[in-house]
Amino acid sequence: MKKIKKARFAVLALLTILSMQLLSSCSPSVQLTASWRNSSIQPARFSKILVMAIGKDLEKRRMGEDNLRLELSEHGFAATTSLDEFGPDFAKMNDSIRMRRILLDKQFDGVLTMRVLSVNEHDRWVPGDVYYGPIGYYHGFYGYYFRVWGYYEQPGYLTKDVEVLLESNLYMVASGDLLWSGQSKAFSRNPTPEMARRYAKNVVKDMISKGAIVP
């Protein structure tokens, strides 16, 4: 009887935890939570956009830039990544006047940047619960099996919540004006290719829908 209860309890607890993880994985991993467009400037029809991710992690920068460039290209924009055009150190340049001159010489008229604003991480305890259901079977009279019902407990577990805030800005190179800004929220420190793709789609779709850029 004890062995049956323990086995049944372990299986049910495992299935419950897996189902909760599956449900959480189905939720959007990155969301555009707010955006703003400079209404004092007419929508820009850019001829060449530079996509520039700012940060220390070269792999994440590459993933972000490549997906934004791809998404812009799919909407008819000519776009290039800063890593391909200038290398990894260009985004670290502090001389804005020199950067502007370089971009104008290369005939860029728009710059789309992305960077991490903050990372918040904390542990959260998910309490267990008690359920009523079948816990085993007994062999009874005449060879029949009878289901036995009873209470079983699902154990609690510790999970880690991560919230990453991302900022995207679209600038006009000639004037330095900010045309559009968006803030996104992600739920993982380590973006997957799917997350980067979704992020890019959210950003470009919002810029077009708000009239910041014209396809």
Protein backbone atom coordinates (compact mmCIF):
# COMPACT_ATOMS: atom_id res chain seq x y z
CA MET A 1 0.00 0.00 0.00
CA LYS A 2 2.77 2.50 0.92
CA LYS A 3 4.73 1.72 -2.24
CA ILE A 4 1.66 2.28 -4.39
CA LYS A 5 0.96 5.60 -2.70
CA LYS A 6 4.54 6.79 -3.09
CA ALA A 7 4.72 5.81 -6.76
CA ARG A 8 1.37 7.38 -7.52
CA PHE A 9 2.31 10.54 -5.63
CA ALA A 10 5.64 10.91 -7.47
CA VAL A 11 4.08 10.49 -10.92
CA LEU A 12 1.28 12.96 -10.22
CA ALA A 13 3.66 15.53 -8.75
CA LEU A 14 5.95 15.26 -11.76
CA LEU A 15 3.08 15.59 -14.24
CA THR A 16 1.75 18.64 -12.40
CA ILE A 17 5.11 20.44 -12.42
CA LEU A 18 5.70 19.60 -16.09
CA SER A 19 2.27 20.85 -17.07
CA MET A 20 2.87 24.15 -15.25
CA GLN A 21 6.22 24.58 -17.00
CA LEU A 22 4.58 23.83 -20.35
CA LEU A 23 1.92 26.46 -19.77
CA SER A 24 4.51 29.07 -18.82
CA SER A 25 6.58 28.25 -21.89
CA CYS A 26 3.55 28.90 -24.11
CA SER A 27 3.22 32.48 -22.87
CA PRO A 28 4.90 35.27 -24.88
CA SER A 29 8.63 35.33 -24.02
CA VAL A 30 9.06 38.96 -25.07
CA GLN A 31 6.51 41.77 -25.32
CA LEU A 32 6.53 45.37 -26.51
CA THR A 33 5.04 47.10 -23.47
CA ALA A 34 5.20 50.80 -24.46
CA SER A 35 6.15 52.97 -27.42
CA TRP A 36 6.25 56.63 -28.41
CA ARG A 37 6.52 58.50 -31.71
CA ASN A 38 7.70 62.05 -32.20
CA SER A 39 4.58 63.58 -33.74
CA SER A 40 6.36 66.86 -34.50
CA ILE A 41 8.39 65.16 -37.25
CA GLN A 42 6.93 63.80 -40.46
CA PRO A 43 7.24 60.02 -41.03
CA ALA A 44 10.63 59.27 -42.54
CA ARG A 45 11.21 57.31 -45.74
CA PHE A 46 14.72 56.08 -45.03
CA SER A 47 17.02 54.94 -47.81
CA LYS A 48 19.55 53.16 -45.53
CA ILE A 49 19.17 52.18 -41.87
CA LEU A 50 21.94 51.09 -39.53
CA VAL A 51 20.90 48.59 -36.85
CA MET A 52 23.07 48.87 -33.74
CA ALA A 53 22.86 46.80 -30.54
CA ILE A 54 24.65 48.29 -27.54
CA GLY A 55 26.15 45.96 -24.93
CA LYS A 56 29.07 43.77 -23.93
CA ASP A 57 27.79 40.35 -25.06
CA LEU A 58 28.81 40.05 -28.71
CA GLU A 59 26.67 36.97 -29.36
CA LYS A 60 23.50 38.66 -28.07
CA ARG A 61 24.32 41.81 -30.03
CA ARG A 62 24.73 39.77 -33.19
CA MET A 63 21.42 37.98 -32.64
CA GLY A 64 19.55 41.22 -32.01
CA GLU A 65 21.06 43.10 -34.96
CA ASP A 66 20.61 40.25 -37.43
CA ASN A 67 16.94 39.80 -36.60
CA LEU A 68 16.12 43.51 -36.74
CA ARG A 69 17.95 43.81 -40.07
CA LEU A 70 16.07 40.80 -41.43
CA GLU A 71 12.70 42.13 -40.29
CA LEU A 72 13.36 45.57 -41.79
CA SER A 73 14.46 43.96 -45.06
CA GLU A 74 11.27 41.91 -45.22
CA HIS A 75 9.31 45.19 -45.12
CA GLY A 76 11.33 46.70 -47.97
CA PHE A 77 13.90 48.71 -45.99
CA ALA A 78 17.61 48.71 -46.83
CA ALA A 79 19.27 47.88 -43.51
CA THR A 80 22.76 46.91 -42.36
CA THR A 81 24.08 45.80 -38.98
CA SER A 82 26.77 47.81 -37.21
CA LEU A 83 28.79 44.65 -36.59
CA ASP A 84 28.95 43.89 -40.31
CA GLU A 85 29.58 47.48 -41.38
CA PHE A 86 31.91 48.78 -38.66
CA GLY A 87 32.85 45.94 -36.29
CA PRO A 88 32.13 45.48 -32.56
CA ASP A 89 33.73 48.72 -31.29
CA PHE A 90 31.64 51.22 -33.25
CA ALA A 91 28.71 51.03 -30.81
CA LYS A 92 31.10 51.98 -27.97
CA MET A 93 32.11 55.26 -29.58
CA ASN A 94 31.52 58.26 -27.29
CA ASP A 95 32.16 60.95 -29.89
CA SER A 96 28.68 61.55 -31.32
CA ILE A 97 29.89 64.17 -33.81
CA ARG A 98 32.44 61.77 -35.28
CA MET A 99 29.90 58.95 -35.33
CA ARG A 100 27.40 61.16 -37.20
CA ARG A 101 30.04 62.12 -39.75
CA ILE A 102 30.95 58.48 -40.36
CA LEU A 103 27.31 57.52 -40.83
CA LEU A 104 26.64 60.36 -43.24
CA ASP A 105 29.75 59.44 -45.24
CA LYS A 106 28.37 55.90 -45.50
CA GLN A 107 24.99 57.35 -46.61
CA PHE A 108 23.01 56.16 -43.58
CA ASP A 109 20.00 58.36 -42.86
CA GLY A 110 18.47 56.31 -40.02
CA VAL A 111 19.80 54.45 -36.97
CA LEU A 112 17.84 51.89 -34.96
CA THR A 113 19.47 51.08 -31.62
CA MET A 114 18.68 48.48 -28.97
CA ARG A 115 20.04 48.02 -25.45
CA VAL A 116 19.22 46.40 -22.11
CA LEU A 117 17.88 48.86 -19.55
CA SER A 118 17.71 46.57 -16.51
CA VAL A 119 17.61 42.96 -15.36
CA ASN A 120 15.52 42.02 -12.33
CA GLU A 121 15.76 38.52 -10.93
CA HIS A 122 14.26 36.96 -7.80
CA ASP A 123 13.32 33.57 -6.41
CA ARG A 124 9.65 32.74 -5.89
CA TRP A 125 8.20 29.89 -3.86
CA VAL A 126 5.24 28.13 -5.46
CA PRO A 127 3.26 26.42 -2.68
CA GLY A 128 1.98 22.90 -3.04
CA ASP A 129 -1.61 21.77 -2.77
CA VAL A 130 -3.70 18.80 -1.67
CA TYR A 131 -5.86 16.88 -4.15
CA TYR A 132 -8.41 14.11 -3.89
CA GLY A 133 -8.17 11.36 -6.44
CA PRO A 134 -7.23 7.73 -7.20
CA ILE A 135 -4.12 6.54 -5.38
CA GLY A 136 -4.00 2.85 -6.32
CA TYR A 137 -5.81 -0.40 -7.04
CA TYR A 138 -6.62 -3.45 -4.93
CA HIS A 139 -7.25 -6.99 -5.98
CA GLY A 140 -10.65 -7.97 -4.62
CA PHE A 141 -13.10 -10.85 -4.81
CA TYR A 142 -13.40 -12.97 -7.95
CA GLY A 143 -10.33 -11.44 -9.58
CA TYR A 144 -11.70 -7.90 -9.85
CA TYR A 145 -9.58 -4.82 -9.22
CA PHE A 146 -11.00 -1.96 -7.18
CA ARG A 147 -9.80 1.60 -7.46
CA VAL A 148 -8.96 3.22 -4.13
CA TRP A 149 -9.48 6.95 -3.69
CA GLY A 150 -7.74 9.22 -1.24
CA TYR A 151 -5.86 12.45 -0.64
CA TYR A 152 -2.40 13.16 -2.00
CA GLU A 153 -0.19 16.22 -1.77
CA GLN A 154 1.65 18.07 -4.53
CA PRO A 155 4.92 19.46 -3.16
CA GLY A 156 5.87 23.11 -3.50
CA TYR A 157 8.90 24.15 -5.49
CA LEU A 158 11.24 27.12 -5.95
CA THR A 159 11.28 28.97 -9.28
CA LYS A 160 13.23 31.97 -10.50
CA ASP A 161 11.47 34.95 -12.07
CA VAL A 162 13.51 37.03 -14.53
CA GLU A 163 12.42 40.34 -16.07
CA VAL A 164 14.61 42.08 -18.64
CA LEU A 165 13.71 45.58 -19.89
CA LEU A 166 14.88 46.47 -23.39
CA GLU A 167 14.88 49.85 -25.12
CA SER A 168 14.76 50.49 -28.87
CA ASN A 169 15.29 53.94 -30.38
CA LEU A 170 15.03 55.17 -33.95
CA TYR A 171 17.05 58.29 -34.83
CA MET A 172 17.39 60.49 -37.89
CA VAL A 173 21.12 60.74 -38.63
CA ALA A 174 21.21 64.21 -40.22
CA SER A 175 19.46 66.00 -37.34
CA GLY A 176 19.97 63.55 -34.47
CA ASP A 177 16.22 63.69 -33.72
CA LEU A 178 14.58 60.77 -31.91
CA LEU A 179 11.68 59.61 -34.10
CA TRP A 180 10.43 56.58 -32.18
CA SER A 181 11.17 54.82 -28.89
CA GLY A 182 9.89 51.50 -27.58
CA GLN A 183 10.29 49.50 -24.39
CA SER A 184 10.07 45.73 -24.37
CA LYS A 185 9.96 43.18 -21.57
CA ALA A 186 11.59 39.76 -21.82
CA PHE A 187 11.50 36.91 -19.33
CA SER A 188 14.91 35.34 -19.79
CA ARG A 189 18.52 36.48 -19.50
CA ASN A 190 19.48 34.34 -22.47
CA PRO A 191 17.42 35.13 -25.58
CA THR A 192 16.64 32.32 -27.96
CA PRO A 193 16.48 32.82 -31.74
CA GLU A 194 12.67 32.71 -31.44
CA MET A 195 12.71 35.48 -28.82
CA ALA A 196 14.99 37.66 -30.95
CA ARG A 197 12.74 37.13 -33.96
CA ARG A 198 9.62 38.04 -31.98
CA TYR A 199 11.34 41.12 -30.56
CA ALA A 200 12.26 42.32 -34.04
CA LYS A 201 8.74 41.73 -35.35
CA ASN A 202 7.22 43.67 -32.45
CA VAL A 203 9.54 46.65 -32.94
CA VAL A 204 9.25 46.98 -36.72
CA LYS A 205 5.50 46.41 -36.72
CA ASP A 206 4.98 49.15 -34.13
CA MET A 207 7.24 51.65 -35.92
CA ILE A 208 5.26 51.13 -39.14
CA SER A 209 1.84 51.18 -37.47
CA LYS A 210 2.65 54.42 -35.63
CA GLY A 211 3.93 56.05 -38.81
CA ALA A 212 7.51 56.51 -37.64
CA ILE A 213 8.85 54.91 -40.83
CA VAL A 214 7.26 54.49 -44.25
CA PRO A 215 7.78 51.21 -46.14
